[in-house]
Structures are given as C-alpha cells and as structure tokens.
Amino acid sequence: MDALIASAKKDVLVHLVKLSQKCGMKGSKGRWKDFLQFYDKKFGFSMSDPARRSVEDLAAFLKTFSQDEDLKIFEKVLQCHANRDAMIEFQKRSENCESPEQRLVCSTLNHPQYAVDYSLPSYEEGWLVTKCSKKSKGMKSTKMLAIDCEMALCKDGTEALIRVCVVDQNFKVKLDKFVKPSKTITDYRTDITGINASDLDGVTCSLNDVQESMKKLLAHGKILVGHGLCNDLRALQIDHAKVIDTAYVFKYQDAPNRRPSLSNLCKFVLGYELRENGCPHNCLDDAIAAMKLVKKKVEHDFDDSIPFTPREEGGEEKDRMAKLLIHRIPLGIRRTGLHEIISGEFTIQMKYKAYRKQLGKYSAFAIFKNQQEANEAYEKLEGTQEKDTFGRPQKLVSFQLDTGVSGSLCVRNMACGDPDENPTAKRSLQDEEEPLEEKSKKVKTDHLHRDDQGEEEEEELGMNNGSECGAHSAEIERLK
C-alpha cells in the first residue's frame, strides 16, 4: 500500500484524506486533524484543507493506517482512479473514432465526485465485479442499459434491494423484478418507493438471482445508465466500470455545485413531468427517463445546462423553518425512538448522504406542520446548548428510551442562525436541506431516491473545497 500511495497523484491523495475525514477513520496518529497537530508543530490543524497540503504531508498521514478494513477502502479508491485513468487514456488513443456514448462515459469518469461516489466496497463478500474486455471491440461498445432500483430500510440500519428495473436503449424491459430481502425490514418507505410488504408476498427472487441476471445483461462491454447510479450499484452490490450518470452529465446553469434532480431534467430536457407532486417513484419510469436523457444528449447534443428553478417563492424558506435537523443518530435508533426523544407531531425524512456506516451514525429531518411547532419542539428539548462547525446553535441531547437503549444525538433548529451572515454556512445549510440523491447519495443507509437526492451540494465534510475553507476560517477565528 505504501508503494501505491507513493506513486499516486496529489488529487488522488486528497480524495483519500477527505474520504477518511468523511468516514471518521483513524490511523495510528488519530484522525486527520489529530495527525496534523502531531505532525506540523507550526500550523497544526489550522491549515487542514487537504488540497492545500503537500504530497508529502498527505502521504505521511495515509501511511499511518494499518488496519485491513481501512487499507481495503484506500485500495478501492486507488483502483477506482486507475480505472478512470485507463478509460480516459483509451479515449485519447481512440479520439478519432470515439462515439458520443463513450464521451458521456468519460464525462462521468471525469466528474470530481466520481472517485468518491463510485469507490464501492466490492472487496466485501457477495459483490459482483464485472470485467470489461480490454479488446477494442468491448471497450468501444455503445450498447446501453438503464437501471433504477428501490430500497427499504433494514432493522440493522442498512438497506435492502426490493425492486429493480432495467431497460435497453429501445426502452424494451429487460428486467423488472421484486426482490426478496435477506434481512428484516423496518420501513418500506412506501410513500417514496410505492412498495409495501404485501407486494413482496410470495417473492422468491433474491439479490444473487438479480446479480446473475445483471452479469449476463452487462456482458460484452455494455454501458450502464442511471441517475445517481452509484446508489443503485451499492444496492445491487455490483461494481461496473462503464457507466453514464445523468446526475453528473447535466448541471444547473446558475448552481453548478448542485446536482439536478431527475424530475427537473425530465421537465427541462425531455419536456414532461416525471410524476405528479406527492406520487411515489416508479422504477420503470425512472429507468426509462434516464435512458431518454442520454439518448437526447447523444442524438441531439442537447446542452448540458438547465435553468435552476427553486420551489415556489418563499417555499424553500418556509419548508426550512418547519424542520429540525437531527444528526449523529445511532443506527440502532429507529423512527419510533426519535418520536420518544422529540415532542410534537412530525414526520421523519432520512438524509441519505449523511449516513456513515463506519461511524454507525445517520441524520434525518423532523418535519413539522409549521415553524411554530418546530420551534416549540426545539425549546422543549433538554440538552446542552452548543454550536456546530459553522457556529450555528444546536442542542446535544442525551436520551434513554423505553427499550433501555441510551445515547446522544444533536438537534438543530433550521430557523436558528442567519445563514446570510456567513456565505459558507449558507451553502452548508443548503447542503443539509437537500435530502439527496441522489445522491445520491446514497453512501452510505437511510436511502432517499435519486430524484430527490439530485439537488444536493457536496457535504460539509465531503469533497467541497469551499466548505473546507469555511471550516478553516472558523478554526482560525476560534484560535484568535
């Protein structure tokens, strides 16, 4: 591993360090900031943005890791970068005969979030890794399949695949299956997935059966298309290199850090509404929509950018004010537990990207009818008043549930603090508001579908230099 780190480019090392931050990983000298405090006596963690550190500093930190699980994660990221570089190199060699489909594959591979989102844990047991033929015929294949999946929340906090749909580039259905989960399901998220327990009665198709079908479908270098596709691949436990992610290919004109939702892409690129407000998702509709988007780009070279249109005027602000952000929630605490901790009538909306398996934590929104009810619930909470990374007030709440489970979590009133006072904090606030993907995403699990996840910026501890710089400013002010 040391040799791989020593030969890696700086952008790869930066991704590895940021990934370690995001996952709370510790080396022999602790986390990244702990290491800097020990390693750099002059600046310490006051200059903690990995992008501003030298290759030597980054490599020295990464070499403090020795646990097999950590090294496997790093190895996977390095492999992901190597695959991307190989595909890009092939693109350069075959520039004269390159197809529009291949250009979209390379556009996905070149996206700054690709190496992070698509660093899938395929080293784990039960994963299928498809192999793309190194022969030019397989590499040049332009045949495509589009996929979309639905997942349910399991008792252990992970997710289980419950439906998968695949269509070819002529929109012919190649696979449409309900899938029998191997774990106990606690939440089918029917309002999102449109699936309930009765839909799976008598279902015998397993995840392994789906993998076998996908292995045949993806043979001979086929390109896999999807929106927030990394989330579907995680659910399928499949690692496939040739992908086109429409959440990467298209972007907003005035909000380049936000990933467009599938609904907005259908509206502005395809000219139709994907679904009516409040209606659950449909796997088949979403897979077809993703394929239509790619074909529109391939056949008509549609512009990558679409207009950014927030919800009706004042809608986002009102929605934000009627929410409490709950984060650092232990995975064992389900929705009923959150209702024990927080008073009032509210619904729970999971945050996919805020889930961190390595830390055993996740985040969610408690959504109230109005701002007054949200404020009252926040005031009734007994906890220690503190500030988050960006100086916004929140409460650290300790709890003991009726089941005997105890622990702590943080609650922040979305109406507290003025994001306009700090542009970076405002951007972070938008990050937390948008319940991705999409992300996407996903990550990973309290899954929210790719359509909703699309309009998320990168997370505070994610791959966003602006957020890091904001954190540095806050740190420096505290030190002063």
Protein backbone atom coordinates (compact mmCIF):
# COMPACT_ATOMS: atom_id res chain seq x y z
CA MET A 1 0.00 0.00 0.00
CA ASP A 2 2.86 2.38 0.80
CA ALA A 3 4.17 1.96 -2.75
CA LEU A 4 0.71 2.71 -4.21
CA ILE A 5 0.42 5.84 -2.07
CA ALA A 6 3.91 6.97 -3.01
CA SER A 7 3.10 6.69 -6.73
CA ALA A 8 -0.37 8.29 -6.55
CA LYS A 9 -1.08 11.78 -7.87
CA LYS A 10 -1.93 14.59 -5.47
CA ASP A 11 -5.63 14.73 -6.40
CA VAL A 12 -5.91 11.03 -5.54
CA LEU A 13 -4.24 11.55 -2.16
CA VAL A 14 -6.55 14.50 -1.47
CA HIS A 15 -9.56 12.28 -2.18
CA LEU A 16 -8.25 9.62 0.17
CA VAL A 17 -7.73 12.08 3.02
CA LYS A 18 -11.14 13.66 2.52
CA LEU A 19 -12.72 10.23 2.44
CA SER A 20 -11.01 9.42 5.75
CA GLN A 21 -12.45 12.65 7.19
CA LYS A 22 -15.90 11.86 5.94
CA CYS A 23 -15.83 8.35 7.39
CA GLY A 24 -14.15 9.31 10.67
CA MET A 25 -11.25 6.96 10.01
CA LYS A 26 -8.29 6.86 12.43
CA GLY A 27 -4.69 5.96 11.77
CA SER A 28 -2.01 5.32 14.39
CA LYS A 29 -1.83 9.12 14.93
CA GLY A 30 -5.59 9.58 15.07
CA ARG A 31 -7.81 11.39 12.55
CA TRP A 32 -6.52 13.94 10.01
CA LYS A 33 -6.59 16.93 12.38
CA ASP A 34 -5.08 14.89 15.22
CA PHE A 35 -2.28 13.89 12.87
CA LEU A 36 -1.65 17.49 11.79
CA GLN A 37 -1.43 18.62 15.42
CA PHE A 38 1.26 16.00 15.98
CA TYR A 39 2.96 16.25 12.57
CA ASP A 40 3.03 20.01 11.95
CA LYS A 41 4.12 21.95 15.02
CA LYS A 42 3.95 25.26 13.17
CA PHE A 43 0.44 25.28 11.71
CA GLY A 44 -1.18 22.22 13.28
CA PHE A 45 -4.77 21.73 12.14
CA SER A 46 -5.25 25.45 11.39
CA MET A 47 -4.47 24.56 7.77
CA SER A 48 -6.47 21.35 7.49
CA ASP A 49 -7.69 21.58 3.90
CA PRO A 50 -6.02 18.54 2.28
CA ALA A 51 -5.87 20.36 -1.07
CA ARG A 52 -3.55 22.96 0.48
CA ARG A 53 -1.18 20.37 1.90
CA SER A 54 1.86 18.93 0.16
CA VAL A 55 2.02 15.45 -1.32
CA GLU A 56 4.47 14.53 1.44
CA ASP A 57 2.03 15.61 4.18
CA LEU A 58 -0.86 13.68 2.64
CA ALA A 59 1.22 10.54 2.09
CA ALA A 60 2.61 10.67 5.64
CA PHE A 61 -0.93 10.69 7.07
CA LEU A 62 -2.18 7.87 4.85
CA LYS A 63 0.78 5.71 5.80
CA THR A 64 -0.36 5.80 9.45
CA PHE A 65 -3.20 3.41 8.56
CA SER A 66 -2.58 -0.30 9.03
CA GLN A 67 -6.00 -1.89 9.66
CA ASP A 68 -7.05 -4.24 6.86
CA GLU A 69 -10.50 -2.67 6.53
CA ASP A 70 -9.04 0.82 6.11
CA LEU A 71 -6.43 -0.36 3.63
CA LYS A 72 -9.11 -2.12 1.56
CA ILE A 73 -11.09 1.12 1.35
CA PHE A 74 -8.00 3.04 0.23
CA GLU A 75 -7.09 0.32 -2.26
CA LYS A 76 -10.60 0.53 -3.72
CA VAL A 77 -10.32 4.30 -4.22
CA LEU A 78 -6.93 3.87 -5.88
CA GLN A 79 -8.41 1.17 -8.13
CA CYS A 80 -11.30 3.48 -8.99
CA HIS A 81 -8.87 6.21 -10.06
CA ALA A 82 -6.83 3.69 -12.04
CA ASN A 83 -9.96 2.51 -13.90
CA ARG A 84 -10.90 6.10 -14.65
CA ASP A 85 -7.40 6.89 -15.93
CA ALA A 86 -7.45 3.77 -18.12
CA MET A 87 -10.77 4.76 -19.67
CA ILE A 88 -9.55 8.32 -20.25
CA GLU A 89 -6.34 7.02 -21.81
CA PHE A 90 -8.39 4.82 -24.13
CA GLN A 91 -10.43 7.88 -25.06
CA LYS A 92 -7.26 9.76 -26.01
CA ARG A 93 -5.93 6.88 -28.11
CA SER A 94 -9.20 6.44 -29.98
CA GLU A 95 -10.17 10.10 -30.24
CA ASN A 96 -10.88 9.93 -33.95
CA CYS A 97 -13.35 7.05 -33.66
CA GLU A 98 -14.81 7.95 -30.28
CA SER A 99 -18.60 7.73 -30.03
CA PRO A 100 -20.97 10.14 -28.21
CA GLU A 101 -21.75 7.34 -25.76
CA GLN A 102 -18.07 6.94 -24.91
CA ARG A 103 -17.77 10.70 -24.42
CA LEU A 104 -20.58 10.54 -21.84
CA VAL A 105 -18.83 7.67 -20.07
CA CYS A 106 -15.69 9.80 -19.90
CA SER A 107 -17.74 12.79 -18.74
CA THR A 108 -18.94 10.68 -15.81
CA LEU A 109 -15.44 9.39 -15.09
CA ASN A 110 -14.04 12.94 -15.13
CA HIS A 111 -16.59 14.32 -12.67
CA PRO A 112 -14.85 15.46 -9.45
CA GLN A 113 -17.19 13.32 -7.30
CA TYR A 114 -16.78 10.13 -9.31
CA ALA A 115 -13.82 8.71 -7.41
CA VAL A 116 -15.65 9.25 -4.11
CA ASP A 117 -19.16 8.14 -5.05
CA TYR A 118 -18.03 5.15 -7.08
CA SER A 119 -15.42 3.84 -4.63
CA LEU A 120 -17.69 0.87 -3.95
CA PRO A 121 -16.76 -1.73 -1.30
CA SER A 122 -16.61 -4.51 -3.87
CA TYR A 123 -13.87 -6.23 -1.88
CA GLU A 124 -16.60 -7.37 0.51
CA GLU A 125 -18.18 -10.80 0.25
CA GLY A 126 -21.22 -11.06 -2.00
CA TRP A 127 -20.19 -8.36 -4.51
CA LEU A 128 -20.12 -8.90 -8.26
CA VAL A 129 -17.34 -7.14 -10.18
CA THR A 130 -17.98 -7.08 -13.91
CA LYS A 131 -14.97 -7.21 -16.18
CA CYS A 132 -14.79 -5.02 -19.25
CA SER A 133 -12.91 -6.69 -22.07
CA LYS A 134 -9.62 -5.00 -22.86
CA LYS A 135 -10.21 -5.76 -26.52
CA SER A 136 -11.06 -2.68 -28.53
CA LYS A 137 -14.42 -4.20 -29.50
CA GLY A 138 -15.57 -4.42 -25.89
CA MET A 139 -14.18 -1.01 -25.00
CA LYS A 140 -15.86 0.61 -28.00
CA SER A 141 -19.28 -0.93 -27.42
CA THR A 142 -22.07 1.67 -27.48
CA LYS A 143 -24.88 -0.63 -26.35
CA MET A 144 -26.60 0.74 -23.26
CA LEU A 145 -28.88 -0.39 -20.45
CA ALA A 146 -30.64 1.93 -17.98
CA ILE A 147 -31.42 0.85 -14.44
CA ASP A 148 -33.29 2.05 -11.39
CA CYS A 149 -33.79 0.40 -8.00
CA GLU A 150 -35.90 0.80 -4.88
CA MET A 151 -34.57 0.03 -1.42
CA ALA A 152 -36.11 -0.47 2.02
CA LEU A 153 -34.58 0.22 5.43
CA CYS A 154 -33.50 -2.85 7.43
CA LYS A 155 -33.53 -3.40 11.17
CA ASP A 156 -29.73 -3.11 11.37
CA GLY A 157 -29.78 0.31 9.67
CA THR A 158 -28.60 -0.93 6.27
CA GLU A 159 -30.70 -1.12 3.11
CA ALA A 160 -32.11 -3.97 1.10
CA LEU A 161 -33.00 -4.06 -2.57
CA ILE A 162 -36.73 -4.64 -3.06
CA ARG A 163 -37.24 -3.85 -6.75
CA VAL A 164 -35.07 -3.45 -9.84
CA CYS A 165 -35.96 -2.38 -13.38
CA VAL A 166 -33.72 -2.44 -16.46
CA VAL A 167 -34.49 -1.22 -19.99
CA ASP A 168 -32.40 -1.23 -23.14
CA GLN A 169 -31.83 1.75 -25.42
CA ASN A 170 -35.04 0.94 -27.30
CA PHE A 171 -36.92 1.12 -23.96
CA LYS A 172 -37.63 -2.60 -24.01
CA VAL A 173 -37.91 -4.00 -20.48
CA LYS A 174 -35.05 -6.44 -19.87
CA LEU A 175 -35.60 -6.93 -16.15
CA ASP A 176 -38.42 -5.95 -13.79
CA LYS A 177 -38.36 -7.86 -10.53
CA PHE A 178 -39.46 -7.51 -6.95
CA VAL A 179 -36.65 -8.81 -4.74
CA LYS A 180 -36.95 -10.75 -1.51
CA PRO A 181 -34.80 -9.02 1.14
CA SER A 182 -32.46 -11.19 3.19
CA LYS A 183 -32.88 -9.03 6.32
CA THR A 184 -35.77 -7.88 8.48
CA ILE A 185 -37.36 -4.75 7.00
CA THR A 186 -38.45 -1.98 9.36
CA ASP A 187 -39.50 0.62 6.80
CA TYR A 188 -40.57 0.04 3.20
CA ARG A 189 -40.74 3.83 2.66
CA THR A 190 -43.96 3.27 0.78
CA ASP A 191 -44.52 7.00 0.30
CA ILE A 192 -41.27 7.07 -1.70
CA THR A 193 -40.93 3.58 -3.17
CA GLY A 194 -44.62 2.85 -3.73
CA ILE A 195 -43.95 -0.63 -2.34
CA ASN A 196 -45.35 -2.25 0.80
CA ALA A 197 -44.90 -5.62 2.49
CA SER A 198 -47.81 -7.24 0.62
CA ASP A 199 -46.09 -6.57 -2.71
CA LEU A 200 -43.32 -8.97 -1.67
CA ASP A 201 -45.62 -11.81 -0.60
CA GLY A 202 -44.54 -14.95 -2.42
CA VAL A 203 -41.49 -13.29 -4.00
CA THR A 204 -38.58 -15.72 -4.35
CA CYS A 205 -36.15 -13.65 -6.44
CA SER A 206 -33.01 -12.96 -4.37
CA LEU A 207 -30.20 -10.44 -4.68
CA ASN A 208 -27.98 -13.22 -6.00
CA ASP A 209 -30.55 -14.00 -8.72
CA VAL A 210 -30.54 -10.34 -9.75
CA GLN A 211 -26.75 -10.30 -9.86
CA GLU A 212 -26.72 -13.34 -12.15
CA SER A 213 -29.21 -11.66 -14.48
CA MET A 214 -27.20 -8.40 -14.48
CA LYS A 215 -23.98 -10.28 -15.20
CA LYS A 216 -25.50 -11.59 -18.43
CA LEU A 217 -27.08 -8.28 -19.38
CA LEU A 218 -23.85 -6.32 -18.88
CA ALA A 219 -21.65 -8.70 -20.88
CA HIS A 220 -19.58 -7.54 -23.87
CA GLY A 221 -18.81 -4.06 -22.57
CA LYS A 222 -22.35 -2.68 -22.27
CA ILE A 223 -22.74 0.79 -20.74
CA LEU A 224 -24.94 1.10 -17.65
CA VAL A 225 -27.04 4.29 -17.40
CA GLY A 226 -28.79 5.76 -14.37
CA HIS A 227 -29.39 8.83 -12.23
CA GLY A 228 -27.33 8.71 -9.04
CA LEU A 229 -26.26 5.33 -10.34
CA CYS A 230 -23.73 4.71 -7.58
CA ASN A 231 -26.64 4.20 -5.15
CA ASP A 232 -28.21 1.54 -7.36
CA LEU A 233 -24.87 -0.23 -7.70
CA ARG A 234 -24.49 -0.26 -3.92
CA ALA A 235 -27.93 -1.80 -3.53
CA LEU A 236 -27.19 -4.37 -6.23
CA GLN A 237 -23.68 -4.98 -4.84
CA ILE A 238 -22.31 -4.70 -8.36
CA ASP A 239 -19.16 -2.86 -9.43
CA HIS A 240 -19.35 -1.92 -13.13
CA ALA A 241 -16.82 0.42 -14.73
CA LYS A 242 -18.61 1.68 -17.87
CA VAL A 243 -21.32 3.97 -16.55
CA ILE A 244 -23.16 7.15 -17.52
CA ASP A 245 -24.60 9.05 -14.58
CA THR A 246 -27.10 11.69 -15.69
CA ALA A 247 -26.65 13.45 -12.34
CA TYR A 248 -23.08 14.12 -13.49
CA VAL A 249 -23.67 14.73 -17.19
CA PHE A 250 -26.20 17.56 -16.71
CA LYS A 251 -25.93 20.57 -14.44
CA TYR A 252 -27.75 23.73 -13.38
CA GLN A 253 -26.76 26.95 -15.13
CA ASP A 254 -26.58 29.13 -12.02
CA ALA A 255 -25.93 26.46 -9.38
CA PRO A 256 -23.08 24.26 -10.70
CA ASN A 257 -22.46 22.67 -7.29
CA ARG A 258 -25.99 21.29 -7.18
CA ARG A 259 -26.85 18.11 -8.99
CA PRO A 260 -30.11 18.38 -10.95
CA SER A 261 -32.95 16.09 -9.95
CA LEU A 262 -34.36 13.57 -12.36
CA SER A 263 -37.71 15.38 -12.26
CA ASN A 264 -36.15 18.69 -13.32
CA LEU A 265 -34.17 17.02 -16.09
CA CYS A 266 -37.35 15.46 -17.44
CA LYS A 267 -39.08 18.83 -17.29
CA PHE A 268 -36.41 20.92 -19.00
CA VAL A 269 -34.68 18.39 -21.25
CA LEU A 270 -37.49 16.00 -22.18
CA GLY A 271 -40.44 18.36 -21.78
CA TYR A 272 -42.67 16.32 -19.49
CA GLU A 273 -43.37 15.85 -15.77
CA LEU A 274 -41.87 12.65 -14.42
CA ARG A 275 -44.52 12.33 -11.72
CA GLU A 276 -47.17 14.37 -10.00
CA ASN A 277 -46.36 16.00 -6.68
CA GLY A 278 -46.73 13.56 -3.81
CA CYS A 279 -46.78 10.47 -6.02
CA PRO A 280 -44.31 7.68 -5.20
CA HIS A 281 -41.48 6.74 -7.51
CA ASN A 282 -41.75 4.11 -10.18
CA CYS A 283 -38.60 2.16 -11.02
CA LEU A 284 -39.57 1.59 -14.61
CA ASP A 285 -40.46 5.24 -15.27
CA ASP A 286 -37.16 6.40 -13.79
CA ALA A 287 -35.06 3.92 -15.76
CA ILE A 288 -36.79 4.96 -18.99
CA ALA A 289 -36.31 8.65 -18.13
CA ALA A 290 -32.56 8.15 -17.59
CA MET A 291 -32.25 6.40 -20.96
CA LYS A 292 -34.25 9.12 -22.70
CA LEU A 293 -31.94 11.77 -21.27
CA VAL A 294 -28.84 10.01 -22.56
CA LYS A 295 -30.37 9.44 -25.99
CA LYS A 296 -31.39 13.10 -26.17
CA LYS A 297 -27.80 14.07 -25.45
CA VAL A 298 -26.37 11.51 -27.89
CA GLU A 299 -28.77 12.11 -30.79
CA HIS A 300 -29.38 15.84 -30.48
CA ASP A 301 -26.33 17.00 -28.49
CA PHE A 302 -28.63 18.76 -26.02
CA ASP A 303 -26.94 21.44 -23.92
CA ASP A 304 -25.64 20.14 -20.58
CA SER A 305 -27.10 23.02 -18.54
CA ILE A 306 -30.68 23.56 -17.44
CA PRO A 307 -32.12 26.56 -15.55
CA PHE A 308 -32.09 26.40 -11.76
CA THR A 309 -35.63 26.96 -10.50
CA PRO A 310 -36.16 26.81 -6.74
CA ARG A 311 -39.58 25.87 -5.50
CA GLU A 312 -42.33 28.50 -5.42
CA GLU A 313 -41.23 31.81 -3.92
CA GLY A 314 -40.86 31.55 -0.19
CA GLY A 315 -41.49 27.80 -0.33
CA GLU A 316 -37.93 26.74 0.45
CA GLU A 317 -37.67 29.19 3.32
CA LYS A 318 -40.96 28.04 4.85
CA ASP A 319 -40.01 24.39 4.45
CA ARG A 320 -36.65 25.02 6.10
CA MET A 321 -38.17 26.83 9.05
CA ALA A 322 -40.54 23.94 9.78
CA LYS A 323 -37.69 21.44 10.17
CA LEU A 324 -35.37 20.24 12.88
CA LEU A 325 -32.13 18.66 11.72
CA ILE A 326 -31.28 15.59 13.81
CA HIS A 327 -27.77 14.29 13.32
CA ARG A 328 -25.28 11.90 14.93
CA ILE A 329 -28.20 9.49 15.41
CA PRO A 330 -27.00 5.99 16.42
CA LEU A 331 -28.03 3.42 13.80
CA GLY A 332 -30.00 1.42 16.36
CA ILE A 333 -32.43 4.30 16.91
CA ARG A 334 -35.40 3.99 14.59
CA ARG A 335 -38.18 6.46 13.82
CA THR A 336 -40.23 5.46 16.86
CA GLY A 337 -37.22 6.24 19.04
CA LEU A 338 -36.91 9.72 17.58
CA HIS A 339 -40.55 10.36 18.45
CA GLU A 340 -39.73 9.44 22.06
CA ILE A 341 -36.88 11.94 22.16
CA ILE A 342 -38.57 14.88 20.38
CA SER A 343 -42.08 16.02 21.27
CA GLY A 344 -44.83 17.09 18.88
CA GLU A 345 -46.29 15.79 15.66
CA PHE A 346 -43.79 15.41 12.85
CA THR A 347 -42.69 13.10 10.09
CA ILE A 348 -39.15 11.79 9.58
CA GLN A 349 -37.23 12.37 6.36
CA MET A 350 -33.97 10.46 6.13
CA LYS A 351 -30.78 12.02 4.79
CA TYR A 352 -29.03 9.51 2.57
CA LYS A 353 -25.68 11.24 2.16
CA ALA A 354 -25.36 11.90 5.86
CA TYR A 355 -25.23 8.17 6.61
CA ARG A 356 -21.81 6.92 7.64
CA LYS A 357 -21.58 3.18 8.08
CA GLN A 358 -18.10 3.39 9.54
CA LEU A 359 -19.30 5.71 12.31
CA GLY A 360 -22.60 3.93 12.88
CA LYS A 361 -24.46 7.26 12.63
CA TYR A 362 -27.05 8.82 10.38
CA SER A 363 -29.03 12.06 10.03
CA ALA A 364 -32.67 12.93 9.43
CA PHE A 365 -35.11 15.83 9.36
CA ALA A 366 -38.09 16.10 11.71
CA ILE A 367 -40.68 17.90 9.57
CA PHE A 368 -43.48 19.77 11.35
CA LYS A 369 -46.65 21.42 10.04
CA ASN A 370 -45.27 24.90 10.61
CA GLN A 371 -42.37 26.87 12.07
CA GLN A 372 -44.10 27.49 15.41
CA GLU A 373 -44.47 23.77 16.14
CA ALA A 374 -40.83 23.17 15.17
CA ASN A 375 -39.69 26.00 17.47
CA GLU A 376 -41.77 24.67 20.37
CA ALA A 377 -40.36 21.16 19.98
CA TYR A 378 -36.83 22.54 19.93
CA GLU A 379 -37.40 24.65 23.06
CA LYS A 380 -38.77 21.65 24.96
CA LEU A 381 -35.67 19.61 24.28
CA GLU A 382 -33.45 19.20 27.33
CA GLY A 383 -29.85 19.31 26.26
CA THR A 384 -26.58 21.18 26.23
CA GLN A 385 -26.59 24.26 24.01
CA GLU A 386 -23.57 24.26 21.70
CA LYS A 387 -22.52 25.32 18.20
CA ASP A 388 -21.83 23.27 15.11
CA THR A 389 -18.77 23.58 12.85
CA PHE A 390 -20.11 26.75 11.28
CA GLY A 391 -21.11 28.40 14.54
CA ARG A 392 -24.84 27.67 14.29
CA PRO A 393 -26.68 26.87 17.55
CA GLN A 394 -27.77 23.31 18.26
CA LYS A 395 -28.51 21.09 21.27
CA LEU A 396 -26.64 17.98 22.34
CA VAL A 397 -29.38 15.74 23.70
CA SER A 398 -28.81 12.67 25.86
CA PHE A 399 -31.61 10.11 25.93
CA GLN A 400 -32.73 6.79 27.37
CA LEU A 401 -35.57 5.10 25.51
CA ASP A 402 -38.28 2.87 26.95
CA THR A 403 -36.41 -0.08 25.48
CA GLY A 404 -33.44 0.74 27.73
CA VAL A 405 -31.26 2.00 24.87
CA SER A 406 -29.36 5.16 25.76
CA GLY A 407 -27.08 7.53 23.89
CA SER A 408 -26.91 11.06 22.50
CA LEU A 409 -27.63 12.99 19.33
CA CYS A 410 -27.65 16.60 18.12
CA VAL A 411 -30.67 18.68 17.11
CA ARG A 412 -30.54 21.96 15.23
CA ASN A 413 -33.46 24.25 14.58
CA MET A 414 -33.29 25.17 10.90
CA ALA A 415 -34.72 28.58 11.78
CA CYS A 416 -31.85 29.33 14.16
CA GLY A 417 -28.95 31.45 12.99
CA ASP A 418 -28.73 33.68 9.97
CA PRO A 419 -27.05 31.89 7.07
CA ASP A 420 -26.62 35.19 5.27
CA GLU A 421 -24.04 36.22 7.85
CA ASN A 422 -21.70 33.54 6.52
CA PRO A 423 -21.88 32.57 2.83
CA THR A 424 -20.17 29.27 3.56
CA ALA A 425 -22.66 28.48 6.30
CA LYS A 426 -25.48 29.34 3.93
CA ARG A 427 -24.13 26.91 1.37
CA SER A 428 -23.81 24.25 4.06
CA LEU A 429 -27.38 24.92 5.11
CA GLN A 430 -28.47 24.21 1.57
CA ASP A 431 -26.43 21.02 1.68
CA GLU A 432 -28.33 19.83 4.71
CA GLU A 433 -31.69 20.90 3.34
CA GLU A 434 -31.46 18.97 0.11
CA PRO A 435 -32.24 15.36 1.09
CA LEU A 436 -30.30 13.64 -1.62
CA GLU A 437 -29.77 11.78 -4.05
CA GLU A 438 -29.41 11.41 -5.30
CA LYS A 439 -27.34 11.10 -4.19
CA SER A 440 -27.19 10.16 -4.36
CA LYS A 441 -26.49 9.60 -2.35
CA LYS A 442 -26.66 7.49 -1.13
CA VAL A 443 -23.36 6.12 0.98
CA LYS A 444 -23.74 5.31 2.56
CA THR A 445 -28.44 3.65 5.00
CA ASP A 446 -31.25 5.85 5.04
CA HIS A 447 -31.92 5.93 1.32
CA LEU A 448 -33.73 8.77 -0.35
CA HIS A 449 -34.37 8.22 -4.05
CA ARG A 450 -32.10 9.63 -6.71
CA ASP A 451 -34.80 12.01 -7.92
CA ASP A 452 -34.92 13.78 -4.56
CA GLN A 453 -31.27 13.37 -3.88
CA GLY A 454 -30.23 15.13 -7.07
CA GLU A 455 -30.30 18.69 -5.81
CA GLU A 456 -27.68 18.22 -3.15
CA GLU A 457 -24.38 20.00 -2.95
CA GLU A 458 -21.37 18.16 -1.55
CA GLU A 459 -21.47 17.54 2.17
CA GLU A 460 -19.70 19.65 4.78
CA LEU A 461 -17.03 17.02 5.28
CA GLY A 462 -17.26 15.87 1.69
CA MET A 463 -15.28 16.90 -1.31
CA ASN A 464 -16.10 20.60 -1.36
CA ASN A 465 -13.12 22.92 -1.00
CA GLY A 466 -15.37 25.86 -0.21
CA SER A 467 -16.76 24.10 2.84
CA GLU A 468 -13.25 23.20 3.97
CA CYS A 469 -12.15 26.80 3.63
CA GLY A 470 -15.15 27.88 5.69
CA ALA A 471 -14.16 25.42 8.37
CA HIS A 472 -10.59 26.79 8.33
CA SER A 473 -11.88 30.33 8.80
CA ALA A 474 -13.96 29.23 11.75
CA GLU A 475 -10.98 27.41 13.27
CA ILE A 476 -8.69 30.41 12.83
CA GLU A 477 -11.25 32.73 14.44
CA ARG A 478 -11.53 30.39 17.42
CA LEU A 479 -7.75 30.25 17.74
CA LYS A 480 -7.58 34.06 17.68
